[in-house]
Protein backbone atom coordinates (compact mmCIF):
# COMPACT_ATOMS: atom_id res chain seq x y z
CA MET A 1 0.00 0.00 0.00
CA ALA A 2 1.45 3.40 -1.01
CA GLN A 3 1.79 6.19 1.53
CA SER A 4 0.10 9.49 0.75
CA GLU A 5 1.88 12.84 0.98
CA PRO A 6 1.23 14.80 4.19
CA GLY A 7 -1.16 17.77 3.98
CA TYR A 8 1.41 20.20 5.34
CA GLU A 9 4.78 21.55 4.38
CA VAL A 10 7.73 22.53 6.56
CA GLY A 11 9.88 25.33 5.27
CA PHE A 12 11.88 28.42 6.09
CA ILE A 13 10.42 31.93 6.26
CA PRO A 14 13.12 34.63 6.28
CA ALA A 15 12.54 37.62 8.55
CA SER A 16 14.21 40.88 9.55
CA ILE A 17 13.75 42.96 12.74
CA SER A 18 14.70 46.63 12.98
CA GLU A 19 14.34 48.61 16.20
CA ILE A 20 15.07 52.14 17.38
CA ASP A 21 14.96 53.12 21.06
CA VAL A 22 15.18 56.77 22.10
CA ALA A 23 15.55 57.72 25.80
CA PHE A 24 15.25 61.25 27.18
CA PRO A 25 14.94 63.04 30.54
CA LEU A 26 11.49 64.40 31.49
CA LEU A 27 11.48 65.58 35.12
CA GLU A 28 15.02 65.35 36.46
CA LYS A 29 13.97 66.68 39.89
CA TRP A 30 11.68 63.65 40.37
CA LYS A 31 14.01 61.24 38.48
CA ILE A 32 11.45 60.54 35.77
CA SER A 33 12.59 59.85 32.24
CA GLY A 34 10.94 58.62 29.07
CA GLN A 35 11.71 56.25 26.28
CA VAL A 36 10.08 55.44 22.95
CA ASP A 37 10.75 52.15 21.16
CA LEU A 38 9.83 51.63 17.49
CA GLN A 39 10.07 48.18 15.94
CA LEU A 40 9.49 47.04 12.34
CA VAL A 41 9.42 43.35 11.45
CA SER A 42 9.38 42.23 7.84
CA GLN A 43 9.29 38.73 6.40
CA GLY A 44 9.26 36.69 3.24
CA ALA A 45 7.18 33.63 2.48
CA TYR A 46 7.81 29.97 1.63
CA SER A 47 7.98 30.90 -2.07
CA ASN A 48 10.74 33.54 -1.79
CA SER A 49 13.88 34.19 0.21
CA ASN A 50 13.42 37.96 0.58
CA PRO A 51 13.11 38.95 4.29
CA TYR A 52 11.81 42.40 3.21
CA ALA A 53 8.97 41.19 0.93
CA TYR A 54 6.16 41.91 3.43
CA VAL A 55 5.77 44.17 6.45
CA GLN A 56 4.69 41.74 9.16
CA ARG A 57 4.47 43.96 12.25
CA PHE A 58 4.94 47.55 13.46
CA VAL A 59 5.27 48.20 17.21
CA VAL A 60 5.27 51.50 19.14
CA ARG A 61 6.15 51.40 22.89
CA PRO A 62 6.31 54.65 24.90
CA TRP A 63 7.64 54.33 28.48
CA LEU A 64 7.78 56.39 31.68
CA ILE A 65 10.69 55.37 33.93
CA TYR A 66 11.10 56.23 37.61
CA SER A 67 14.66 55.79 38.95
CA GLY A 68 14.43 57.40 42.39
CA PHE A 69 15.80 54.39 44.30
CA LYS A 70 19.44 53.32 44.39
CA HIS A 71 19.17 49.89 42.72
CA MET A 72 15.57 49.90 41.48
CA LYS A 73 13.68 51.26 38.49
CA PHE A 74 9.95 51.20 37.81
CA TYR A 75 8.49 51.34 34.31
CA VAL A 76 5.00 52.06 32.97
CA GLY A 77 4.55 51.47 29.28
CA TYR A 78 2.04 50.98 26.53
CA ALA A 79 2.57 48.82 23.46
CA ARG A 80 0.63 49.09 20.22
CA ASN A 81 1.47 46.06 18.11
CA LYS A 82 -0.05 46.10 14.62
CA LYS A 83 0.37 42.78 12.79
CA TYR A 84 -0.46 42.82 9.08
CA GLU A 85 -2.13 40.10 7.05
CA ILE A 86 0.19 38.07 4.83
CA VAL A 87 -2.00 35.62 2.92
CA GLU A 88 0.89 33.67 1.40
CA ALA A 89 2.37 32.97 4.86
CA GLY A 90 -0.98 32.44 6.60
CA ASN A 91 -0.65 35.46 8.94
CA PRO A 92 -3.93 37.10 10.01
CA GLU A 93 -4.26 40.85 10.69
CA ILE A 94 -4.20 41.57 14.45
CA LEU A 95 -4.05 44.71 16.59
CA GLU A 96 -2.60 44.15 20.08
CA ARG A 97 -2.63 46.76 22.82
CA ARG A 98 -0.75 46.16 26.07
CA LEU A 99 -0.31 48.04 29.32
CA ILE A 100 3.09 47.13 30.76
CA LEU A 101 4.14 47.49 34.40
CA MET A 102 7.70 46.48 35.09
CA GLY A 103 10.35 46.84 37.76
CA THR A 104 14.04 46.04 37.91
CA TYR A 105 16.24 45.44 40.92
CA MET A 106 20.02 45.21 40.69
CA GLN A 107 22.54 44.40 43.38
CA LYS A 108 26.31 44.04 43.49
CA MET A 109 27.51 40.47 43.19
CA PRO A 110 31.07 39.16 43.12
CA LYS A 111 31.30 38.35 39.40
CA GLU A 112 28.09 39.51 37.75
CA VAL A 113 24.99 41.64 38.05
CA PHE A 114 21.69 39.87 38.64
CA SER A 115 18.47 41.57 37.61
CA SER A 116 14.84 40.48 37.75
CA LYS A 117 12.10 41.68 35.45
CA LEU A 118 8.41 41.52 36.31
CA ASP A 119 6.27 41.85 33.20
CA LEU A 120 2.50 42.22 33.83
CA LYS A 121 0.20 41.73 30.88
CA PRO A 122 -3.59 41.35 30.83
CA ASN A 123 -3.40 37.74 29.65
CA SER A 124 -0.38 36.49 31.59
CA LEU A 125 2.05 37.08 34.42
CA LYS A 126 5.66 36.41 33.56
CA ILE A 127 8.79 36.72 35.65
CA ARG A 128 11.98 36.77 33.67
CA MET A 129 15.43 36.55 35.17
CA ALA A 130 18.62 37.37 33.36
CA SER A 131 22.23 37.84 34.26
CA SER A 132 25.02 39.68 32.53
CA GLU A 133 28.66 40.33 33.21
CA GLN A 134 28.41 44.06 33.86
CA SER A 135 29.45 45.81 37.03
CA LEU A 136 27.21 48.15 38.98
CA GLU A 137 28.65 51.50 39.93
């Protein structure tokens, strides 16, 4: 008995991510600053190898940052994530809006800096931990 071909295909979709982040002081007396992040994601499809063929997503994230404590920062942000339909790749059009509350805490450690990130989103609660080899001054 002959086997039939599967009804799906596995392939490679090329993509490219470009991002610009601009930070600026707002109220230095109260240690409040701002930041705006812009992100553009483009992609190809299974039929081409051009990562710039389609605009897949455009994201705008403005932030307010409070840094009035020695090793802590608090962030309030908003993200507008517009995902565009790409029929050839099977991507639907979606508009995501997120309110982001985040805090970071850093402390001196012998060989590295440890920081924790609390990311609150309406549909999930995530705690991310990362370490890097930077020194705190």
